[in-house]
Amino acid sequence: GCDASVLLDSVGGNNAEKQGRPNLTLRAFDAIDDAKKELEFLCPGVVSCADILALAARDAVMIVSKR
């Protein structure tokens, strides 16, 4: 999980970590995918999904801690 492998989709008969039982409650993969798509358009090959996930987690903590 800490290398953002939970963002990978299953292919064929290979079940990805995303579909693993402990991860079935995770949500908002589409938000990460959308951010990655936009960043790839603006600066291809620079920002990884792990980078996006780290920044999203940081921002989520900031939002929740301000309540």
PDB file of N, CA and C in Angstrom:
ATOM      1  N   GLY A   1       0.751  -1.205   0.000  1.00  0.00           N
ATOM      2  CA  GLY A   1       0.000   0.000   0.000  1.00  0.00           C
ATOM      3  C   GLY A   1       0.795   1.274   0.000  1.00  0.00           C
ATOM      4  N   CYS A   2       1.934   1.344   0.652  1.00  0.00           N
ATOM      5  CA  CYS A   2       2.610   2.643   0.772  1.00  0.00           C
ATOM      6  C   CYS A   2       3.263   3.078  -0.532  1.00  0.00           C
ATOM      7  N   ASP A   3       3.352   2.213  -1.513  1.00  0.00           N
ATOM      8  CA  ASP A   3       3.889   2.621  -2.811  1.00  0.00           C
ATOM      9  C   ASP A   3       2.776   2.938  -3.806  1.00  0.00           C
ATOM     10  N   ALA A   4       1.565   3.094  -3.324  1.00  0.00           N
ATOM     11  CA  ALA A   4       0.380   3.425  -4.111  1.00  0.00           C
ATOM     12  C   ALA A   4      -0.048   2.291  -5.029  1.00  0.00           C
ATOM     13  N   SER A   5       0.396   1.077  -4.769  1.00  0.00           N
ATOM     14  CA  SER A   5      -0.028  -0.051  -5.599  1.00  0.00           C
ATOM     15  C   SER A   5      -1.529  -0.312  -5.480  1.00  0.00           C
ATOM     16  N   VAL A   6      -2.150   0.234  -4.461  1.00  0.00           N
ATOM     17  CA  VAL A   6      -3.592   0.093  -4.298  1.00  0.00           C
ATOM     18  C   VAL A   6      -4.341   0.841  -5.406  1.00  0.00           C
ATOM     19  N   LEU A   7      -3.645   1.674  -6.151  1.00  0.00           N
ATOM     20  CA  LEU A   7      -4.279   2.413  -7.246  1.00  0.00           C
ATOM     21  C   LEU A   7      -4.327   1.621  -8.543  1.00  0.00           C
ATOM     22  N   LEU A   8      -3.607   0.511  -8.616  1.00  0.00           N
ATOM     23  CA  LEU A   8      -3.562  -0.274  -9.844  1.00  0.00           C
ATOM     24  C   LEU A   8      -4.847  -1.063 -10.028  1.00  0.00           C
ATOM     25  N   ASP A   9      -5.309  -1.140 -11.261  1.00  0.00           N
ATOM     26  CA  ASP A   9      -6.514  -1.902 -11.582  1.00  0.00           C
ATOM     27  C   ASP A   9      -6.160  -3.351 -11.898  1.00  0.00           C
ATOM     28  N   SER A  10      -7.100  -4.252 -11.651  1.00  0.00           N
ATOM     29  CA  SER A  10      -6.924  -5.656 -12.009  1.00  0.00           C
ATOM     30  C   SER A  10      -6.918  -5.793 -13.522  1.00  0.00           C
ATOM     31  N   VAL A  11      -6.144  -6.752 -14.016  1.00  0.00           N
ATOM     32  CA  VAL A  11      -6.067  -7.027 -15.449  1.00  0.00           C
ATOM     33  C   VAL A  11      -6.204  -8.528 -15.646  1.00  0.00           C
ATOM     34  N   GLY A  12      -7.156  -8.918 -16.488  1.00  0.00           N
ATOM     35  CA  GLY A  12      -7.368 -10.343 -16.742  1.00  0.00           C
ATOM     36  C   GLY A  12      -7.669 -11.092 -15.454  1.00  0.00           C
ATOM     37  N   GLY A  13      -6.961 -12.184 -15.220  1.00  0.00           N
ATOM     38  CA  GLY A  13      -7.158 -12.989 -14.012  1.00  0.00           C
ATOM     39  C   GLY A  13      -6.306 -12.530 -12.847  1.00  0.00           C
ATOM     40  N   ASN A  14      -5.540 -11.460 -13.027  1.00  0.00           N
ATOM     41  CA  ASN A  14      -4.668 -10.951 -11.983  1.00  0.00           C
ATOM     42  C   ASN A  14      -5.418  -9.927 -11.132  1.00  0.00           C
ATOM     43  N   ASN A  15      -5.761 -10.296  -9.893  1.00  0.00           N
ATOM     44  CA  ASN A  15      -6.464  -9.372  -9.013  1.00  0.00           C
ATOM     45  C   ASN A  15      -5.477  -8.410  -8.375  1.00  0.00           C
ATOM     46  N   ALA A  16      -5.739  -7.128  -8.554  1.00  0.00           N
ATOM     47  CA  ALA A  16      -4.882  -6.090  -7.993  1.00  0.00           C
ATOM     48  C   ALA A  16      -5.209  -5.866  -6.522  1.00  0.00           C
ATOM     49  N   GLU A  17      -4.300  -5.177  -5.858  1.00  0.00           N
ATOM     50  CA  GLU A  17      -4.468  -4.864  -4.441  1.00  0.00           C
ATOM     51  C   GLU A  17      -5.755  -4.073  -4.190  1.00  0.00           C
ATOM     52  N   LYS A  18      -6.171  -3.293  -5.157  1.00  0.00           N
ATOM     53  CA  LYS A  18      -7.398  -2.495  -5.034  1.00  0.00           C
ATOM     54  C   LYS A  18      -8.602  -3.386  -4.716  1.00  0.00           C
ATOM     55  N   GLN A  19      -8.636  -4.583  -5.272  1.00  0.00           N
ATOM     56  CA  GLN A  19      -9.759  -5.488  -5.061  1.00  0.00           C
ATOM     57  C   GLN A  19      -9.568  -6.406  -3.854  1.00  0.00           C
ATOM     58  N   GLY A  20      -8.491  -6.222  -3.109  1.00  0.00           N
ATOM     59  CA  GLY A  20      -8.259  -7.027  -1.907  1.00  0.00           C
ATOM     60  C   GLY A  20      -9.263  -6.680  -0.825  1.00  0.00           C
ATOM     61  N   ARG A  21      -9.661  -7.665  -0.059  1.00  0.00           N
ATOM     62  CA  ARG A  21     -10.692  -7.477   0.975  1.00  0.00           C
ATOM     63  C   ARG A  21     -10.427  -6.258   1.878  1.00  0.00           C
ATOM     64  N   PRO A  22      -9.204  -6.052   2.383  1.00  0.00           N
ATOM     65  CA  PRO A  22      -8.989  -4.902   3.273  1.00  0.00           C
ATOM     66  C   PRO A  22      -9.186  -3.550   2.578  1.00  0.00           C
ATOM     67  N   ASN A  23      -9.135  -3.530   1.264  1.00  0.00           N
ATOM     68  CA  ASN A  23      -9.210  -2.265   0.533  1.00  0.00           C
ATOM     69  C   ASN A  23     -10.570  -1.989  -0.096  1.00  0.00           C
ATOM     70  N   LEU A  24     -11.524  -2.861   0.103  1.00  0.00           N
ATOM     71  CA  LEU A  24     -12.829  -2.692  -0.533  1.00  0.00           C
ATOM     72  C   LEU A  24     -13.599  -1.484  -0.020  1.00  0.00           C
ATOM     73  N   THR A  25     -13.198  -0.942   1.126  1.00  0.00           N
ATOM     74  CA  THR A  25     -13.875   0.237   1.664  1.00  0.00           C
ATOM     75  C   THR A  25     -13.250   1.541   1.171  1.00  0.00           C
ATOM     76  N   LEU A  26     -12.148   1.457   0.440  1.00  0.00           N
ATOM     77  CA  LEU A  26     -11.500   2.659  -0.085  1.00  0.00           C
ATOM     78  C   LEU A  26     -12.361   3.270  -1.187  1.00  0.00           C
ATOM     79  N   ARG A  27     -12.367   4.594  -1.262  1.00  0.00           N
ATOM     80  CA  ARG A  27     -13.196   5.297  -2.234  1.00  0.00           C
ATOM     81  C   ARG A  27     -12.376   6.375  -2.948  1.00  0.00           C
ATOM     82  N   ALA A  28     -12.993   7.008  -3.906  1.00  0.00           N
ATOM     83  CA  ALA A  28     -12.478   8.182  -4.621  1.00  0.00           C
ATOM     84  C   ALA A  28     -11.295   7.880  -5.527  1.00  0.00           C
ATOM     85  N   PHE A  29     -11.207   6.646  -6.010  1.00  0.00           N
ATOM     86  CA  PHE A  29     -10.154   6.342  -6.984  1.00  0.00           C
ATOM     87  C   PHE A  29     -10.291   7.215  -8.222  1.00  0.00           C
ATOM     88  N   ASP A  30     -11.529   7.554  -8.570  1.00  0.00           N
ATOM     89  CA  ASP A  30     -11.748   8.393  -9.747  1.00  0.00           C
ATOM     90  C   ASP A  30     -11.117   9.768  -9.586  1.00  0.00           C
ATOM     91  N   ALA A  31     -11.107  10.311  -8.373  1.00  0.00           N
ATOM     92  CA  ALA A  31     -10.484  11.613  -8.141  1.00  0.00           C
ATOM     93  C   ALA A  31      -8.978  11.547  -8.385  1.00  0.00           C
ATOM     94  N   ILE A  32      -8.348  10.465  -7.927  1.00  0.00           N
ATOM     95  CA  ILE A  32      -6.914  10.282  -8.143  1.00  0.00           C
ATOM     96  C   ILE A  32      -6.639  10.086  -9.635  1.00  0.00           C
ATOM     97  N   ASP A  33      -7.468   9.275 -10.293  1.00  0.00           N
ATOM     98  CA  ASP A  33      -7.295   9.037 -11.729  1.00  0.00           C
ATOM     99  C   ASP A  33      -7.447  10.339 -12.528  1.00  0.00           C
ATOM    100  N   ASP A  34      -8.429  11.164 -12.138  1.00  0.00           N
ATOM    101  CA  ASP A  34      -8.632  12.441 -12.829  1.00  0.00           C
ATOM    102  C   ASP A  34      -7.443  13.379 -12.640  1.00  0.00           C
ATOM    103  N   ALA A  35      -6.928  13.431 -11.419  1.00  0.00           N
ATOM    104  CA  ALA A  35      -5.760  14.279 -11.145  1.00  0.00           C
ATOM    105  C   ALA A  35      -4.555  13.800 -11.942  1.00  0.00           C
ATOM    106  N   LYS A  36      -4.351  12.488 -11.987  1.00  0.00           N
ATOM    107  CA  LYS A  36      -3.221  11.929 -12.742  1.00  0.00           C
ATOM    108  C   LYS A  36      -3.350  12.260 -14.230  1.00  0.00           C
ATOM    109  N   LYS A  37      -4.544  12.125 -14.767  1.00  0.00           N
ATOM    110  CA  LYS A  37      -4.768  12.411 -16.180  1.00  0.00           C
ATOM    111  C   LYS A  37      -4.440  13.878 -16.497  1.00  0.00           C
ATOM    112  N   GLU A  38      -4.901  14.783 -15.645  1.00  0.00           N
ATOM    113  CA  GLU A  38      -4.652  16.211 -15.850  1.00  0.00           C
ATOM    114  C   GLU A  38      -3.156  16.534 -15.740  1.00  0.00           C
ATOM    115  N   LEU A  39      -2.501  15.965 -14.736  1.00  0.00           N
ATOM    116  CA  LEU A  39      -1.070  16.222 -14.559  1.00  0.00           C
ATOM    117  C   LEU A  39      -0.241  15.623 -15.690  1.00  0.00           C
ATOM    118  N   GLU A  40      -0.637  14.466 -16.173  1.00  0.00           N
ATOM    119  CA  GLU A  40       0.070  13.857 -17.305  1.00  0.00           C
ATOM    120  C   GLU A  40      -0.049  14.721 -18.557  1.00  0.00           C
ATOM    121  N   PHE A  41      -1.195  15.376 -18.709  1.00  0.00           N
ATOM    122  CA  PHE A  41      -1.385  16.263 -19.847  1.00  0.00           C
ATOM    123  C   PHE A  41      -0.470  17.487 -19.729  1.00  0.00           C
ATOM    124  N   LEU A  42      -0.394  18.050 -18.525  1.00  0.00           N
ATOM    125  CA  LEU A  42       0.383  19.270 -18.302  1.00  0.00           C
ATOM    126  C   LEU A  42       1.894  19.025 -18.232  1.00  0.00           C
ATOM    127  N   CYS A  43       2.292  17.931 -17.593  1.00  0.00           N
ATOM    128  CA  CYS A  43       3.724  17.638 -17.447  1.00  0.00           C
ATOM    129  C   CYS A  43       3.917  16.120 -17.448  1.00  0.00           C
ATOM    130  N   PRO A  44       3.963  15.527 -18.623  1.00  0.00           N
ATOM    131  CA  PRO A  44       4.027  14.073 -18.761  1.00  0.00           C
ATOM    132  C   PRO A  44       5.248  13.449 -18.082  1.00  0.00           C
ATOM    133  N   GLY A  45       4.981  12.359 -17.362  1.00  0.00           N
ATOM    134  CA  GLY A  45       6.051  11.571 -16.770  1.00  0.00           C
ATOM    135  C   GLY A  45       6.735  12.176 -15.562  1.00  0.00           C
ATOM    136  N   VAL A  46       6.151  13.215 -14.968  1.00  0.00           N
ATOM    137  CA  VAL A  46       6.810  13.891 -13.845  1.00  0.00           C
ATOM    138  C   VAL A  46       6.205  13.488 -12.501  1.00  0.00           C
ATOM    139  N   VAL A  47       4.885  13.453 -12.419  1.00  0.00           N
ATOM    140  CA  VAL A  47       4.200  13.199 -11.154  1.00  0.00           C
ATOM    141  C   VAL A  47       3.624  11.789 -11.152  1.00  0.00           C
ATOM    142  N   SER A  48       3.897  11.044 -10.085  1.00  0.00           N
ATOM    143  CA  SER A  48       3.395   9.678  -9.986  1.00  0.00           C
ATOM    144  C   SER A  48       2.067   9.642  -9.243  1.00  0.00           C
ATOM    145  N   CYS A  49       1.381   8.515  -9.341  1.00  0.00           N
ATOM    146  CA  CYS A  49       0.143   8.332  -8.582  1.00  0.00           C
ATOM    147  C   CYS A  49       0.430   8.369  -7.088  1.00  0.00           C
ATOM    148  N   ALA A  50       1.589   7.884  -6.678  1.00  0.00           N
ATOM    149  CA  ALA A  50       1.973   7.923  -5.261  1.00  0.00           C
ATOM    150  C   ALA A  50       2.111   9.364  -4.793  1.00  0.00           C
ATOM    151  N   ASP A  51       2.662  10.234  -5.640  1.00  0.00           N
ATOM    152  CA  ASP A  51       2.772  11.655  -5.301  1.00  0.00           C
ATOM    153  C   ASP A  51       1.380  12.253  -5.096  1.00  0.00           C
ATOM    154  N   ILE A  52       0.475  11.956  -6.009  1.00  0.00           N
ATOM    155  CA  ILE A  52      -0.885  12.480  -5.936  1.00  0.00           C
ATOM    156  C   ILE A  52      -1.579  11.981  -4.672  1.00  0.00           C
ATOM    157  N   LEU A  53      -1.411  10.715  -4.360  1.00  0.00           N
ATOM    158  CA  LEU A  53      -2.028  10.141  -3.175  1.00  0.00           C
ATOM    159  C   LEU A  53      -1.488  10.788  -1.904  1.00  0.00           C
ATOM    160  N   ALA A  54      -0.188  11.043  -1.857  1.00  0.00           N
ATOM    161  CA  ALA A  54       0.418  11.695  -0.687  1.00  0.00           C
ATOM    162  C   ALA A  54      -0.139  13.104  -0.502  1.00  0.00           C
ATOM    163  N   LEU A  55      -0.244  13.853  -1.577  1.00  0.00           N
ATOM    164  CA  LEU A  55      -0.778  15.214  -1.488  1.00  0.00           C
ATOM    165  C   LEU A  55      -2.269  15.214  -1.135  1.00  0.00           C
ATOM    166  N   ALA A  56      -3.016  14.273  -1.685  1.00  0.00           N
ATOM    167  CA  ALA A  56      -4.441  14.176  -1.362  1.00  0.00           C
ATOM    168  C   ALA A  56      -4.637  13.833   0.110  1.00  0.00           C
ATOM    169  N   ALA A  57      -3.811  12.929   0.636  1.00  0.00           N
ATOM    170  CA  ALA A  57      -3.898  12.572   2.061  1.00  0.00           C
ATOM    171  C   ALA A  57      -3.560  13.774   2.931  1.00  0.00           C
ATOM    172  N   ARG A  58      -2.514  14.502   2.543  1.00  0.00           N
ATOM    173  CA  ARG A  58      -2.132  15.705   3.288  1.00  0.00           C
ATOM    174  C   ARG A  58      -3.279  16.708   3.312  1.00  0.00           C
ATOM    175  N   ASP A  59      -3.880  16.954   2.142  1.00  0.00           N
ATOM    176  CA  ASP A  59      -4.957  17.930   2.055  1.00  0.00           C
ATOM    177  C   ASP A  59      -6.191  17.479   2.837  1.00  0.00           C
ATOM    178  N   ALA A  60      -6.493  16.188   2.793  1.00  0.00           N
ATOM    179  CA  ALA A  60      -7.639  15.655   3.533  1.00  0.00           C
ATOM    180  C   ALA A  60      -7.449  15.842   5.035  1.00  0.00           C
ATOM    181  N   VAL A  61      -6.251  15.596   5.526  1.00  0.00           N
ATOM    182  CA  VAL A  61      -5.970  15.796   6.947  1.00  0.00           C
ATOM    183  C   VAL A  61      -6.130  17.257   7.320  1.00  0.00           C
ATOM    184  N   MET A  62      -5.654  18.142   6.485  1.00  0.00           N
ATOM    185  CA  MET A  62      -5.799  19.576   6.762  1.00  0.00           C
ATOM    186  C   MET A  62      -7.273  19.988   6.802  1.00  0.00           C
ATOM    187  N   ILE A  63      -8.062  19.481   5.866  1.00  0.00           N
ATOM    188  CA  ILE A  63      -9.478  19.823   5.822  1.00  0.00           C
ATOM    189  C   ILE A  63     -10.196  19.312   7.067  1.00  0.00           C
ATOM    190  N   VAL A  64      -9.937  18.076   7.421  1.00  0.00           N
ATOM    191  CA  VAL A  64     -10.616  17.476   8.582  1.00  0.00           C
ATOM    192  C   VAL A  64     -10.163  18.138   9.885  1.00  0.00           C
ATOM    193  N   SER A  65      -8.918  18.497   9.987  1.00  0.00           N
ATOM    194  CA  SER A  65      -8.412  19.083  11.239  1.00  0.00           C
ATOM    195  C   SER A  65      -8.905  20.512  11.464  1.00  0.00           C
ATOM    196  N   LYS A  66      -9.445  21.150  10.441  1.00  0.00           N
ATOM    197  CA  LYS A  66      -9.967  22.511  10.571  1.00  0.00           C
ATOM    198  C   LYS A  66     -11.407  22.551  11.055  1.00  0.00           C
ATOM    199  N   ARG A  67     -12.019  21.400  11.238  1.00  0.00           N
ATOM    200  CA  ARG A  67     -13.425  21.364  11.666  1.00  0.00           C
ATOM    201  C   ARG A  67     -13.564  21.706  13.115  1.00  0.00           C
TER     202      ARG A  67
END
